[in-house]
C-alpha atoms as a PDB file:
ATOM      1  CA  MET A   1      -8.439  13.200 -11.769  1.00  0.00           C
ATOM      2  CA  ASP A   2      -9.703  11.591  -9.091  1.00  0.00           C
ATOM      3  CA  LYS A   3      -8.971   8.391 -10.402  1.00  0.00           C
ATOM      4  CA  LYS A   4      -5.424   9.086 -10.446  1.00  0.00           C
ATOM      5  CA  ILE A   5      -5.025  10.308  -7.355  1.00  0.00           C
ATOM      6  CA  ILE A   6      -6.703   7.590  -5.528  1.00  0.00           C
ATOM      7  CA  PHE A   7      -4.459   4.733  -7.975  1.00  0.00           C
ATOM      8  CA  LEU A   8      -1.390   6.795  -6.747  1.00  0.00           C
ATOM      9  CA  GLY A   9      -2.403   6.338  -2.935  1.00  0.00           C
ATOM     10  CA  MET A  10      -2.874   2.748  -3.924  1.00  0.00           C
ATOM     11  CA  LEU A  11       0.012   2.323  -5.690  1.00  0.00           C
ATOM     12  CA  VAL A  12       2.264   4.341  -2.945  1.00  0.00           C
ATOM     13  CA  GLY A  13       0.249   2.238   0.150  1.00  0.00           C
ATOM     14  CA  SER A  14       1.502  -1.004  -1.379  1.00  0.00           C
ATOM     15  CA  THR A  15       4.912  -0.688  -2.290  1.00  0.00           C
ATOM     16  CA  ILE A  16       5.403   0.761   1.156  1.00  0.00           C
ATOM     17  CA  GLY A  17       3.298  -1.752   3.052  1.00  0.00           C
ATOM     18  CA  GLY A  18       5.057  -4.845   1.133  1.00  0.00           C
ATOM     19  CA  TYR A  19       8.564  -3.612   1.610  1.00  0.00           C
ATOM     20  CA  LEU A  20       7.699  -3.084   5.197  1.00  0.00           C
ATOM     21  CA  PRO A  21       8.424  -6.956   6.420  1.00  0.00           C
ATOM     22  CA  THR A  22      12.184  -6.685   4.914  1.00  0.00           C
ATOM     23  CA  PHE A  23      12.757  -4.390   7.894  1.00  0.00           C
ATOM     24  CA  PHE A  24      11.822  -7.453  10.193  1.00  0.00           C
ATOM     25  CA  GLY A  25      13.846 -10.066   8.490  1.00  0.00           C
ATOM     26  CA  ALA A  26      11.214 -11.218   5.836  1.00  0.00           C
ATOM     27  CA  GLY A  27      11.919 -11.383   2.356  1.00  0.00           C
ATOM     28  CA  VAL A  28      10.196  -9.226  -0.468  1.00  0.00           C
ATOM     29  CA  PHE A  29       8.049 -12.386  -2.046  1.00  0.00           C
ATOM     30  CA  SER A  30       6.918 -13.470   1.895  1.00  0.00           C
ATOM     31  CA  ILE A  31       3.332 -13.936   2.734  1.00  0.00           C
ATOM     32  CA  SER A  32       3.679 -11.198   5.428  1.00  0.00           C
ATOM     33  CA  SER A  33       5.045  -9.308   2.616  1.00  0.00           C
ATOM     34  CA  VAL A  34       1.960 -10.257   0.240  1.00  0.00           C
ATOM     35  CA  ILE A  35      -0.578  -9.584   3.255  1.00  0.00           C
ATOM     36  CA  PHE A  36       0.967  -6.157   4.288  1.00  0.00           C
ATOM     37  CA  GLY A  37       0.889  -4.914   0.334  1.00  0.00           C
ATOM     38  CA  ALA A  38      -2.562  -5.544   0.048  1.00  0.00           C
ATOM     39  CA  VAL A  39      -3.500  -3.529   3.373  1.00  0.00           C
ATOM     40  CA  GLY A  40      -0.968  -0.954   2.369  1.00  0.00           C
ATOM     41  CA  GLY A  41      -3.038  -0.809  -1.153  1.00  0.00           C
ATOM     42  CA  LEU A  42      -6.244  -0.408   1.038  1.00  0.00           C
ATOM     43  CA  LEU A  43      -5.037   1.793   3.399  1.00  0.00           C
ATOM     44  CA  GLY A  44      -3.600   4.210   0.451  1.00  0.00           C
ATOM     45  CA  ILE A  45      -7.047   4.071  -1.387  1.00  0.00           C
ATOM     46  CA  TRP A  46      -8.790   5.083   1.588  1.00  0.00           C
ATOM     47  CA  LEU A  47      -6.533   8.113   2.659  1.00  0.00           C
ATOM     48  CA  SER A  48      -6.347   8.815  -0.832  1.00  0.00           C
ATOM     49  CA  TRP A  49     -10.208   9.119  -0.833  1.00  0.00           C
ATOM     50  CA  ARG A  50     -10.223  10.977   2.700  1.00  0.00           C
ATOM     51  CA  MET A  51      -8.424  13.583   0.972  1.00  0.00           C
ATOM     52  CA  ILE A  52     -10.298  14.212  -2.084  1.00  0.00           C
ATOM     53  CA  ASN A  53     -13.372  14.394  -0.507  1.00  0.00           C
END
């Protein structure tokens, strides 16, 4: 069950992080979107791990 929560945190974090640069005029497939998606995924993993433990 813990793996599912961590995966969900990664999915939500990377989705929000990848979409965030579009508010500033960047495209969905821009390099900033990829970077923010990776950072958001890592942040989502960290937050879900903290929530479990």
